[in-house]
Amino acid sequence: MKSDSLFYTYFQLLPEALLLLAGAQKADLARAAEYRFQSVEVKDHAFRLDGILALPEFRGEFFFVEVQYQKDQRFYTRLFAQIMTFLHQKQPEGRWRSVVIFPKRSVDAGLLEHFAEYLASNRLKIVYLDEISPDVLTAFPLNILRLVGAPNKKEQAAILANDVLRSVPPTSEVHRRDDVARLVASILTAKFPTLSYEEIRAMIEPSVAGFEQSRFYQDILEKGEERGIERGIERGIEQGSYREKEQTTVGLARAGMTKEFIANITKLSLEEIEQILRKHLS
């Protein structure tokens, strides 16, 4: 399952989830709606950070976010090289922190002594998804992590998916509830790439969270031939031609994804994405 794209959407949609994982202060949690999650390219060294969660103009505390699902001996040196290059180029005023997410401790190659002070000072927060207390993962929005990490068994995934949809606060705006439903369907599509769009839809109870009225539900009724966001993403990346990335870009844009999300998936620049969308959607 392609993890980076799902976590990008997750934190973009629900910044409070990242703030909770980072152990942010109550004042920051209260301002969660003001934060924006974005992918940032550090041009001098062709680095691309997975994401930065920040207030406008980087006021206050902001967070570098990296999701790492493969063991890499040079992960931390690359991460801090990216961070320091970003700080050098952008000169942000706020206080930075970094949150690193591993699926389990064995994927972490180990923090070098050079960087131990960042862990001690709470500049660096390391999260192992399988070690988070089950109690923490029962409430929205962190319960989405249970679905991401669940075994690829349809019955169990369906239960967790519908639990997530039921847990969305009833006071949430309609577009936010719809976006959560879209994210859940994307996670299911990534977990079960051989299932048809109709089979993915069948795993989600239409009565849950008003899902039958959502834009996403209507999309999959009208466009049953589409085979899911995540499989389109995987196909575009694996085959790699510009034409296929063009098709992936258009498909993701029609599905409601942001340009920043599309850039993170296709590895195209924002300028290239804007040109493609002008060509196909204007």
C-alpha atoms as a PDB file:
ATOM      1  CA  MET A   1       0.000   0.000   0.000  1.00  0.00           C
ATOM      2  CA  LYS A   2       1.329   3.418  -0.944  1.00  0.00           C
ATOM      3  CA  SER A   3       1.597   5.092   2.448  1.00  0.00           C
ATOM      4  CA  ASP A   4       2.946   8.565   1.711  1.00  0.00           C
ATOM      5  CA  SER A   5      -0.040   9.685  -0.345  1.00  0.00           C
ATOM      6  CA  LEU A   6      -2.573   8.488   2.215  1.00  0.00           C
ATOM      7  CA  PHE A   7      -0.799  10.165   5.109  1.00  0.00           C
ATOM      8  CA  TYR A   8      -0.455  13.346   3.044  1.00  0.00           C
ATOM      9  CA  THR A   9      -4.234  13.420   2.528  1.00  0.00           C
ATOM     10  CA  TYR A  10      -4.859  12.468   6.165  1.00  0.00           C
ATOM     11  CA  PHE A  11      -2.830  15.318   7.629  1.00  0.00           C
ATOM     12  CA  GLN A  12      -4.001  17.787   5.001  1.00  0.00           C
ATOM     13  CA  LEU A  13      -7.613  16.999   5.853  1.00  0.00           C
ATOM     14  CA  LEU A  14      -7.181  16.558   9.616  1.00  0.00           C
ATOM     15  CA  PRO A  15      -4.252  18.659  10.920  1.00  0.00           C
ATOM     16  CA  GLU A  16      -5.389  17.990  14.488  1.00  0.00           C
ATOM     17  CA  ALA A  17      -4.337  14.356  13.992  1.00  0.00           C
ATOM     18  CA  LEU A  18      -0.723  15.372  13.421  1.00  0.00           C
ATOM     19  CA  LEU A  19      -0.843  17.808  16.334  1.00  0.00           C
ATOM     20  CA  LEU A  20      -2.081  15.010  18.600  1.00  0.00           C
ATOM     21  CA  LEU A  21       0.670  12.659  17.440  1.00  0.00           C
ATOM     22  CA  ALA A  22       3.250  15.398  18.022  1.00  0.00           C
ATOM     23  CA  GLY A  23       2.025  16.026  21.564  1.00  0.00           C
ATOM     24  CA  ALA A  24       1.274  19.652  20.739  1.00  0.00           C
ATOM     25  CA  GLN A  25       0.155  22.112  23.397  1.00  0.00           C
ATOM     26  CA  LYS A  26      -3.561  22.785  23.948  1.00  0.00           C
ATOM     27  CA  ALA A  27      -3.168  26.242  22.445  1.00  0.00           C
ATOM     28  CA  ASP A  28      -1.935  24.723  19.184  1.00  0.00           C
ATOM     29  CA  LEU A  29      -4.731  22.130  19.179  1.00  0.00           C
ATOM     30  CA  ALA A  30      -7.279  24.896  19.597  1.00  0.00           C
ATOM     31  CA  ARG A  31      -5.947  26.500  16.411  1.00  0.00           C
ATOM     32  CA  ALA A  32      -5.844  23.258  14.386  1.00  0.00           C
ATOM     33  CA  ALA A  33      -8.198  24.604  11.722  1.00  0.00           C
ATOM     34  CA  GLU A  34      -5.724  27.394  10.938  1.00  0.00           C
ATOM     35  CA  TYR A  35      -2.880  25.008  10.108  1.00  0.00           C
ATOM     36  CA  ARG A  36      -2.143  24.010   6.524  1.00  0.00           C
ATOM     37  CA  PHE A  37      -0.280  20.857   5.457  1.00  0.00           C
ATOM     38  CA  GLN A  38       1.846  21.182   2.331  1.00  0.00           C
ATOM     39  CA  SER A  39       4.594  19.411   0.440  1.00  0.00           C
ATOM     40  CA  VAL A  40       7.670  21.601  -0.025  1.00  0.00           C
ATOM     41  CA  GLU A  41      10.538  21.224  -2.484  1.00  0.00           C
ATOM     42  CA  VAL A  42      14.003  22.417  -1.442  1.00  0.00           C
ATOM     43  CA  LYS A  43      15.316  23.286  -4.892  1.00  0.00           C
ATOM     44  CA  ASP A  44      19.072  23.608  -4.374  1.00  0.00           C
ATOM     45  CA  HIS A  45      19.443  19.922  -3.569  1.00  0.00           C
ATOM     46  CA  ALA A  46      16.284  18.573  -5.226  1.00  0.00           C
ATOM     47  CA  PHE A  47      14.917  17.598  -1.816  1.00  0.00           C
ATOM     48  CA  ARG A  48      11.198  17.183  -1.284  1.00  0.00           C
ATOM     49  CA  LEU A  49       9.904  17.135   2.264  1.00  0.00           C
ATOM     50  CA  ASP A  50       6.920  14.835   2.812  1.00  0.00           C
ATOM     51  CA  GLY A  51       5.044  17.699   4.362  1.00  0.00           C
ATOM     52  CA  ILE A  52       5.043  20.737   6.627  1.00  0.00           C
ATOM     53  CA  LEU A  53       2.138  21.604   8.896  1.00  0.00           C
ATOM     54  CA  ALA A  54       2.189  25.320   9.590  1.00  0.00           C
ATOM     55  CA  LEU A  55       0.153  28.384  10.302  1.00  0.00           C
ATOM     56  CA  PRO A  56       0.110  31.075   7.600  1.00  0.00           C
ATOM     57  CA  GLU A  57       3.540  32.693   7.186  1.00  0.00           C
ATOM     58  CA  PHE A  58       4.956  30.076   9.580  1.00  0.00           C
ATOM     59  CA  ARG A  59       3.773  31.924  12.655  1.00  0.00           C
ATOM     60  CA  GLY A  60       4.182  30.028  15.924  1.00  0.00           C
ATOM     61  CA  GLU A  61       5.196  26.386  16.039  1.00  0.00           C
ATOM     62  CA  PHE A  62       5.340  24.415  12.780  1.00  0.00           C
ATOM     63  CA  PHE A  63       6.030  20.754  12.033  1.00  0.00           C
ATOM     64  CA  PHE A  64       8.112  18.885   9.476  1.00  0.00           C
ATOM     65  CA  VAL A  65       6.461  15.515   8.828  1.00  0.00           C
ATOM     66  CA  GLU A  66       8.085  12.369   7.425  1.00  0.00           C
ATOM     67  CA  VAL A  67       6.392   8.985   7.007  1.00  0.00           C
ATOM     68  CA  GLN A  68       8.929   6.170   6.613  1.00  0.00           C
ATOM     69  CA  TYR A  69       7.799   2.621   5.817  1.00  0.00           C
ATOM     70  CA  GLN A  70      11.166   1.215   4.686  1.00  0.00           C
ATOM     71  CA  LYS A  71      14.358   0.840   6.671  1.00  0.00           C
ATOM     72  CA  ASP A  72      16.970   3.350   5.549  1.00  0.00           C
ATOM     73  CA  GLN A  73      20.343   3.785   7.243  1.00  0.00           C
ATOM     74  CA  ARG A  74      20.629   7.343   5.935  1.00  0.00           C
ATOM     75  CA  PHE A  75      17.104   8.435   6.755  1.00  0.00           C
ATOM     76  CA  TYR A  76      17.933  10.823   9.605  1.00  0.00           C
ATOM     77  CA  THR A  77      20.919  12.435   7.870  1.00  0.00           C
ATOM     78  CA  ARG A  78      18.743  13.115   4.838  1.00  0.00           C
ATOM     79  CA  LEU A  79      15.883  14.399   6.994  1.00  0.00           C
ATOM     80  CA  PHE A  80      17.979  16.905   8.893  1.00  0.00           C
ATOM     81  CA  ALA A  81      19.792  17.966   5.717  1.00  0.00           C
ATOM     82  CA  GLN A  82      16.387  18.798   4.254  1.00  0.00           C
ATOM     83  CA  ILE A  83      15.280  20.634   7.378  1.00  0.00           C
ATOM     84  CA  MET A  84      18.424  22.729   7.651  1.00  0.00           C
ATOM     85  CA  THR A  85      18.376  23.568   3.944  1.00  0.00           C
ATOM     86  CA  PHE A  86      14.745  24.641   4.249  1.00  0.00           C
ATOM     87  CA  LEU A  87      15.510  26.818   7.285  1.00  0.00           C
ATOM     88  CA  HIS A  88      18.434  28.387   5.424  1.00  0.00           C
ATOM     89  CA  GLN A  89      16.354  29.171   2.344  1.00  0.00           C
ATOM     90  CA  LYS A  90      13.051  30.214   3.895  1.00  0.00           C
ATOM     91  CA  GLN A  91      14.195  31.843   7.147  1.00  0.00           C
ATOM     92  CA  PRO A  92      10.881  31.134   8.943  1.00  0.00           C
ATOM     93  CA  GLU A  93      10.275  32.957  12.206  1.00  0.00           C
ATOM     94  CA  GLY A  94       8.358  30.248  14.076  1.00  0.00           C
ATOM     95  CA  ARG A  95       9.783  27.400  16.147  1.00  0.00           C
ATOM     96  CA  TRP A  96      10.210  24.177  14.185  1.00  0.00           C
ATOM     97  CA  ARG A  97       9.627  20.604  15.242  1.00  0.00           C
ATOM     98  CA  SER A  98       9.848  17.337  13.321  1.00  0.00           C
ATOM     99  CA  VAL A  99       7.501  14.348  13.548  1.00  0.00           C
ATOM    100  CA  VAL A 100       8.716  11.030  12.108  1.00  0.00           C
ATOM    101  CA  ILE A 101       6.192   8.214  11.697  1.00  0.00           C
ATOM    102  CA  PHE A 102       7.259   4.566  11.388  1.00  0.00           C
ATOM    103  CA  PRO A 103       4.839   1.633  11.166  1.00  0.00           C
ATOM    104  CA  LYS A 104       6.941  -0.208  13.778  1.00  0.00           C
ATOM    105  CA  ARG A 105      10.231   0.174  15.654  1.00  0.00           C
ATOM    106  CA  SER A 106      12.099  -2.379  13.516  1.00  0.00           C
ATOM    107  CA  VAL A 107      11.821  -0.064  10.484  1.00  0.00           C
ATOM    108  CA  ASP A 108      13.727   2.653  12.360  1.00  0.00           C
ATOM    109  CA  ALA A 109      17.436   2.283  11.543  1.00  0.00           C
ATOM    110  CA  GLY A 110      18.310   4.208  14.698  1.00  0.00           C
ATOM    111  CA  LEU A 111      19.000   7.827  15.529  1.00  0.00           C
ATOM    112  CA  LEU A 112      22.631   8.848  15.148  1.00  0.00           C
ATOM    113  CA  GLU A 113      24.338  10.462  18.118  1.00  0.00           C
ATOM    114  CA  HIS A 114      24.661  13.680  16.071  1.00  0.00           C
ATOM    115  CA  PHE A 115      20.926  14.205  16.357  1.00  0.00           C
ATOM    116  CA  ALA A 116      20.221  12.923  19.880  1.00  0.00           C
ATOM    117  CA  GLU A 117      19.851  16.454  21.227  1.00  0.00           C
ATOM    118  CA  TYR A 118      16.842  17.056  18.987  1.00  0.00           C
ATOM    119  CA  LEU A 119      15.072  14.096  20.567  1.00  0.00           C
ATOM    120  CA  ALA A 120      16.003  15.236  24.076  1.00  0.00           C
ATOM    121  CA  SER A 121      14.774  18.785  23.426  1.00  0.00           C
ATOM    122  CA  ASN A 122      11.478  17.586  21.900  1.00  0.00           C
ATOM    123  CA  ARG A 123      12.405  19.091  18.540  1.00  0.00           C
ATOM    124  CA  LEU A 124      12.114  15.536  17.200  1.00  0.00           C
ATOM    125  CA  LYS A 125       9.140  13.302  17.912  1.00  0.00           C
ATOM    126  CA  ILE A 126       9.312   9.657  16.772  1.00  0.00           C
ATOM    127  CA  VAL A 127       6.012   7.792  16.482  1.00  0.00           C
ATOM    128  CA  TYR A 128       5.710   4.003  16.085  1.00  0.00           C
ATOM    129  CA  LEU A 129       2.162   3.333  14.962  1.00  0.00           C
ATOM    130  CA  ASP A 130       1.995  -0.172  16.442  1.00  0.00           C
ATOM    131  CA  GLU A 131       3.017   1.157  19.879  1.00  0.00           C
ATOM    132  CA  ILE A 132       0.343   3.830  20.233  1.00  0.00           C
ATOM    133  CA  SER A 133      -2.032   2.993  23.061  1.00  0.00           C
ATOM    134  CA  PRO A 134      -5.253   1.398  21.754  1.00  0.00           C
ATOM    135  CA  ASP A 135      -7.215   3.840  23.915  1.00  0.00           C
ATOM    136  CA  VAL A 136      -5.732   6.756  21.987  1.00  0.00           C
ATOM    137  CA  LEU A 137      -6.754   5.221  18.659  1.00  0.00           C
ATOM    138  CA  THR A 138     -10.429   4.838  19.526  1.00  0.00           C
ATOM    139  CA  ALA A 139     -11.365   8.493  19.040  1.00  0.00           C
ATOM    140  CA  PHE A 140     -11.591  10.539  15.851  1.00  0.00           C
ATOM    141  CA  PRO A 141      -9.365  11.469  14.034  1.00  0.00           C
ATOM    142  CA  LEU A 142      -6.621   9.108  15.271  1.00  0.00           C
ATOM    143  CA  ASN A 143      -8.914   6.099  14.819  1.00  0.00           C
ATOM    144  CA  ILE A 144      -8.160   6.420  11.087  1.00  0.00           C
ATOM    145  CA  LEU A 145      -4.687   5.077  11.914  1.00  0.00           C
ATOM    146  CA  ARG A 146      -6.307   1.812  13.036  1.00  0.00           C
ATOM    147  CA  LEU A 147      -7.754   1.421   9.561  1.00  0.00           C
ATOM    148  CA  VAL A 148      -4.422   2.219   7.896  1.00  0.00           C
ATOM    149  CA  GLY A 149      -2.578  -0.328  10.035  1.00  0.00           C
ATOM    150  CA  ALA A 150      -5.223  -3.044  10.062  1.00  0.00           C
ATOM    151  CA  PRO A 151      -4.539  -6.440   8.444  1.00  0.00           C
ATOM    152  CA  ASN A 152      -5.794  -6.733   4.863  1.00  0.00           C
ATOM    153  CA  LYS A 153      -8.925  -8.636   5.797  1.00  0.00           C
ATOM    154  CA  LYS A 154     -12.129  -7.325   4.251  1.00  0.00           C
ATOM    155  CA  GLU A 155     -14.447  -7.947   7.172  1.00  0.00           C
ATOM    156  CA  GLN A 156     -12.162  -6.297   9.727  1.00  0.00           C
ATOM    157  CA  ALA A 157     -11.363  -3.359   7.441  1.00  0.00           C
ATOM    158  CA  ALA A 158     -15.052  -2.790   6.731  1.00  0.00           C
ATOM    159  CA  ILE A 159     -15.850  -2.671  10.451  1.00  0.00           C
ATOM    160  CA  LEU A 160     -13.065  -0.183  11.129  1.00  0.00           C
ATOM    161  CA  ALA A 161     -13.999   1.952   8.113  1.00  0.00           C
ATOM    162  CA  ASN A 162     -17.596   2.272   9.235  1.00  0.00           C
ATOM    163  CA  ASP A 163     -16.493   2.967  12.815  1.00  0.00           C
ATOM    164  CA  VAL A 164     -14.429   5.891  11.497  1.00  0.00           C
ATOM    165  CA  LEU A 165     -17.366   7.284   9.530  1.00  0.00           C
ATOM    166  CA  ARG A 166     -19.671   7.002  12.537  1.00  0.00           C
ATOM    167  CA  SER A 167     -17.150   8.814  14.729  1.00  0.00           C
ATOM    168  CA  VAL A 168     -16.992  11.982  12.604  1.00  0.00           C
ATOM    169  CA  PRO A 169     -18.442  14.697  14.865  1.00  0.00           C
ATOM    170  CA  PRO A 170     -22.057  15.444  13.868  1.00  0.00           C
ATOM    171  CA  THR A 171     -21.267  19.151  13.980  1.00  0.00           C
ATOM    172  CA  SER A 172     -18.640  18.827  11.244  1.00  0.00           C
ATOM    173  CA  GLU A 173     -19.270  20.715   8.029  1.00  0.00           C
ATOM    174  CA  VAL A 174     -20.671  18.683   5.141  1.00  0.00           C
ATOM    175  CA  HIS A 175     -17.547  19.018   2.994  1.00  0.00           C
ATOM    176  CA  ARG A 176     -15.373  17.790   5.873  1.00  0.00           C
ATOM    177  CA  ARG A 177     -17.526  14.691   6.386  1.00  0.00           C
ATOM    178  CA  ASP A 178     -17.413  14.049   2.657  1.00  0.00           C
ATOM    179  CA  ASP A 179     -13.632  14.387   2.589  1.00  0.00           C
ATOM    180  CA  VAL A 180     -13.311  11.876   5.439  1.00  0.00           C
ATOM    181  CA  ALA A 181     -15.499   9.446   3.482  1.00  0.00           C
ATOM    182  CA  ARG A 182     -13.277   9.981   0.445  1.00  0.00           C
ATOM    183  CA  LEU A 183     -10.159   9.288   2.518  1.00  0.00           C
ATOM    184  CA  VAL A 184     -11.653   6.107   3.990  1.00  0.00           C
ATOM    185  CA  ALA A 185     -12.571   4.845   0.506  1.00  0.00           C
ATOM    186  CA  SER A 186      -9.045   5.642  -0.702  1.00  0.00           C
ATOM    187  CA  ILE A 187      -7.520   3.652   2.160  1.00  0.00           C
ATOM    188  CA  LEU A 188      -9.762   0.679   1.366  1.00  0.00           C
ATOM    189  CA  THR A 189      -8.857   0.902  -2.326  1.00  0.00           C
ATOM    190  CA  ALA A 190      -5.158   0.901  -1.440  1.00  0.00           C
ATOM    191  CA  LYS A 191      -5.544  -2.072   0.895  1.00  0.00           C
ATOM    192  CA  PHE A 192      -7.517  -4.146  -1.596  1.00  0.00           C
ATOM    193  CA  PRO A 193      -6.190  -3.251  -5.069  1.00  0.00           C
ATOM    194  CA  THR A 194      -7.850  -6.248  -6.728  1.00  0.00           C
ATOM    195  CA  LEU A 195     -11.369  -5.226  -5.700  1.00  0.00           C
ATOM    196  CA  SER A 196     -13.643  -3.370  -8.088  1.00  0.00           C
ATOM    197  CA  TYR A 197     -14.979   0.082  -7.324  1.00  0.00           C
ATOM    198  CA  GLU A 198     -18.391  -1.436  -6.619  1.00  0.00           C
ATOM    199  CA  GLU A 199     -16.872  -3.912  -4.134  1.00  0.00           C
ATOM    200  CA  ILE A 200     -15.105  -1.080  -2.298  1.00  0.00           C
ATOM    201  CA  ARG A 201     -18.386   0.845  -2.136  1.00  0.00           C
ATOM    202  CA  ALA A 202     -20.162  -2.215  -0.760  1.00  0.00           C
ATOM    203  CA  MET A 203     -17.779  -2.298   2.212  1.00  0.00           C
ATOM    204  CA  ILE A 204     -19.089   1.078   3.387  1.00  0.00           C
ATOM    205  CA  GLU A 205     -22.578   1.178   4.849  1.00  0.00           C
ATOM    206  CA  PRO A 206     -24.568   3.834   2.946  1.00  0.00           C
ATOM    207  CA  SER A 207     -26.401   4.831   6.121  1.00  0.00           C
ATOM    208  CA  VAL A 208     -23.179   5.679   7.951  1.00  0.00           C
ATOM    209  CA  ALA A 209     -22.503   9.388   8.414  1.00  0.00           C
ATOM    210  CA  GLY A 210     -24.890  10.331   5.603  1.00  0.00           C
ATOM    211  CA  PHE A 211     -22.497   8.708   3.179  1.00  0.00           C
ATOM    212  CA  GLU A 212     -25.181   8.134   0.553  1.00  0.00           C
ATOM    213  CA  GLN A 213     -25.548  11.928   0.193  1.00  0.00           C
ATOM    214  CA  SER A 214     -21.823  12.561  -0.128  1.00  0.00           C
ATOM    215  CA  ARG A 215     -20.220  13.764  -3.355  1.00  0.00           C
ATOM    216  CA  PHE A 216     -17.846  10.822  -3.248  1.00  0.00           C
ATOM    217  CA  TYR A 217     -20.647   8.255  -3.042  1.00  0.00           C
ATOM    218  CA  GLN A 218     -22.373   9.881  -6.006  1.00  0.00           C
ATOM    219  CA  ASP A 219     -19.092   9.866  -7.915  1.00  0.00           C
ATOM    220  CA  ILE A 220     -18.671   6.133  -7.539  1.00  0.00           C
ATOM    221  CA  LEU A 221     -22.247   5.502  -8.552  1.00  0.00           C
ATOM    222  CA  GLU A 222     -21.819   7.560 -11.707  1.00  0.00           C
ATOM    223  CA  LYS A 223     -18.252   6.496 -12.506  1.00  0.00           C
ATOM    224  CA  GLY A 224     -18.131   2.821 -11.677  1.00  0.00           C
ATOM    225  CA  GLU A 225     -15.549   2.318 -14.376  1.00  0.00           C
ATOM    226  CA  GLU A 226     -12.987   4.278 -12.394  1.00  0.00           C
ATOM    227  CA  ARG A 227     -10.841   1.866 -10.426  1.00  0.00           C
ATOM    228  CA  GLY A 228      -9.997   3.957  -7.378  1.00  0.00           C
ATOM    229  CA  ILE A 229      -7.750   6.836  -6.508  1.00  0.00           C
ATOM    230  CA  GLU A 230      -4.897   4.839  -5.072  1.00  0.00           C
ATOM    231  CA  ARG A 231      -4.671   2.306  -7.909  1.00  0.00           C
ATOM    232  CA  GLY A 232      -4.609   5.164 -10.397  1.00  0.00           C
ATOM    233  CA  ILE A 233      -1.817   6.710  -8.361  1.00  0.00           C
ATOM    234  CA  GLU A 234       0.189   3.473  -8.305  1.00  0.00           C
ATOM    235  CA  ARG A 235      -0.261   2.927 -12.036  1.00  0.00           C
ATOM    236  CA  GLY A 236       0.846   6.448 -12.868  1.00  0.00           C
ATOM    237  CA  ILE A 237       3.980   6.175 -10.741  1.00  0.00           C
ATOM    238  CA  GLU A 238       4.982   2.661 -11.768  1.00  0.00           C
ATOM    239  CA  GLN A 239       4.579   3.184 -15.507  1.00  0.00           C
ATOM    240  CA  GLY A 240       6.082   6.595 -15.222  1.00  0.00           C
ATOM    241  CA  SER A 241       5.389   8.148 -18.660  1.00  0.00           C
ATOM    242  CA  TYR A 242       4.417  11.790 -18.782  1.00  0.00           C
ATOM    243  CA  ARG A 243       1.152  10.919 -20.530  1.00  0.00           C
ATOM    244  CA  GLU A 244       0.189   8.536 -17.738  1.00  0.00           C
ATOM    245  CA  LYS A 245       1.109  11.130 -15.113  1.00  0.00           C
ATOM    246  CA  GLU A 246      -1.095  13.539 -17.080  1.00  0.00           C
ATOM    247  CA  GLN A 247      -4.003  11.120 -16.836  1.00  0.00           C
ATOM    248  CA  THR A 248      -3.353  10.562 -13.126  1.00  0.00           C
ATOM    249  CA  THR A 249      -3.269  14.330 -12.571  1.00  0.00           C
ATOM    250  CA  VAL A 250      -6.595  14.874 -14.308  1.00  0.00           C
ATOM    251  CA  GLY A 251      -8.212  11.949 -12.480  1.00  0.00           C
ATOM    252  CA  LEU A 252      -7.062  13.172  -9.069  1.00  0.00           C
ATOM    253  CA  ALA A 253      -8.169  16.735  -9.821  1.00  0.00           C
ATOM    254  CA  ARG A 254     -11.618  15.504 -10.811  1.00  0.00           C
ATOM    255  CA  ALA A 255     -11.729  13.499  -7.584  1.00  0.00           C
ATOM    256  CA  GLY A 256     -11.231  16.749  -5.671  1.00  0.00           C
ATOM    257  CA  MET A 257      -7.559  16.436  -4.694  1.00  0.00           C
ATOM    258  CA  THR A 258      -5.461  19.581  -4.262  1.00  0.00           C
ATOM    259  CA  LYS A 259      -2.606  20.524  -6.572  1.00  0.00           C
ATOM    260  CA  GLU A 260      -0.155  20.039  -3.708  1.00  0.00           C
ATOM    261  CA  PHE A 261      -1.435  16.496  -3.127  1.00  0.00           C
ATOM    262  CA  ILE A 262      -1.166  15.723  -6.857  1.00  0.00           C
ATOM    263  CA  ALA A 263       2.399  17.074  -6.925  1.00  0.00           C
ATOM    264  CA  ASN A 264       3.361  14.824  -4.019  1.00  0.00           C
ATOM    265  CA  ILE A 265       1.958  11.772  -5.834  1.00  0.00           C
ATOM    266  CA  THR A 266       3.071  12.347  -9.432  1.00  0.00           C
ATOM    267  CA  LYS A 267       6.323  14.169  -8.623  1.00  0.00           C
ATOM    268  CA  LEU A 268       5.333  16.823 -11.155  1.00  0.00           C
ATOM    269  CA  SER A 269       5.873  20.481 -10.346  1.00  0.00           C
ATOM    270  CA  LEU A 270       2.929  22.728  -9.514  1.00  0.00           C
ATOM    271  CA  GLU A 271       3.567  24.585 -12.776  1.00  0.00           C
ATOM    272  CA  GLU A 272       3.322  21.346 -14.769  1.00  0.00           C
ATOM    273  CA  ILE A 273       0.130  20.391 -12.951  1.00  0.00           C
ATOM    274  CA  GLU A 274      -1.438  23.790 -13.669  1.00  0.00           C
ATOM    275  CA  GLN A 275      -0.575  23.431 -17.362  1.00  0.00           C
ATOM    276  CA  ILE A 276      -2.157  19.964 -17.486  1.00  0.00           C
ATOM    277  CA  LEU A 277      -5.327  21.130 -15.749  1.00  0.00           C
ATOM    278  CA  ARG A 278      -5.635  24.159 -18.049  1.00  0.00           C
ATOM    279  CA  LYS A 279      -5.256  21.851 -21.034  1.00  0.00           C
ATOM    280  CA  HIS A 280      -7.800  19.240 -19.939  1.00  0.00           C
ATOM    281  CA  LEU A 281     -10.236  20.941 -17.570  1.00  0.00           C
ATOM    282  CA  SER A 282     -10.538  24.562 -18.629  1.00  0.00           C
END
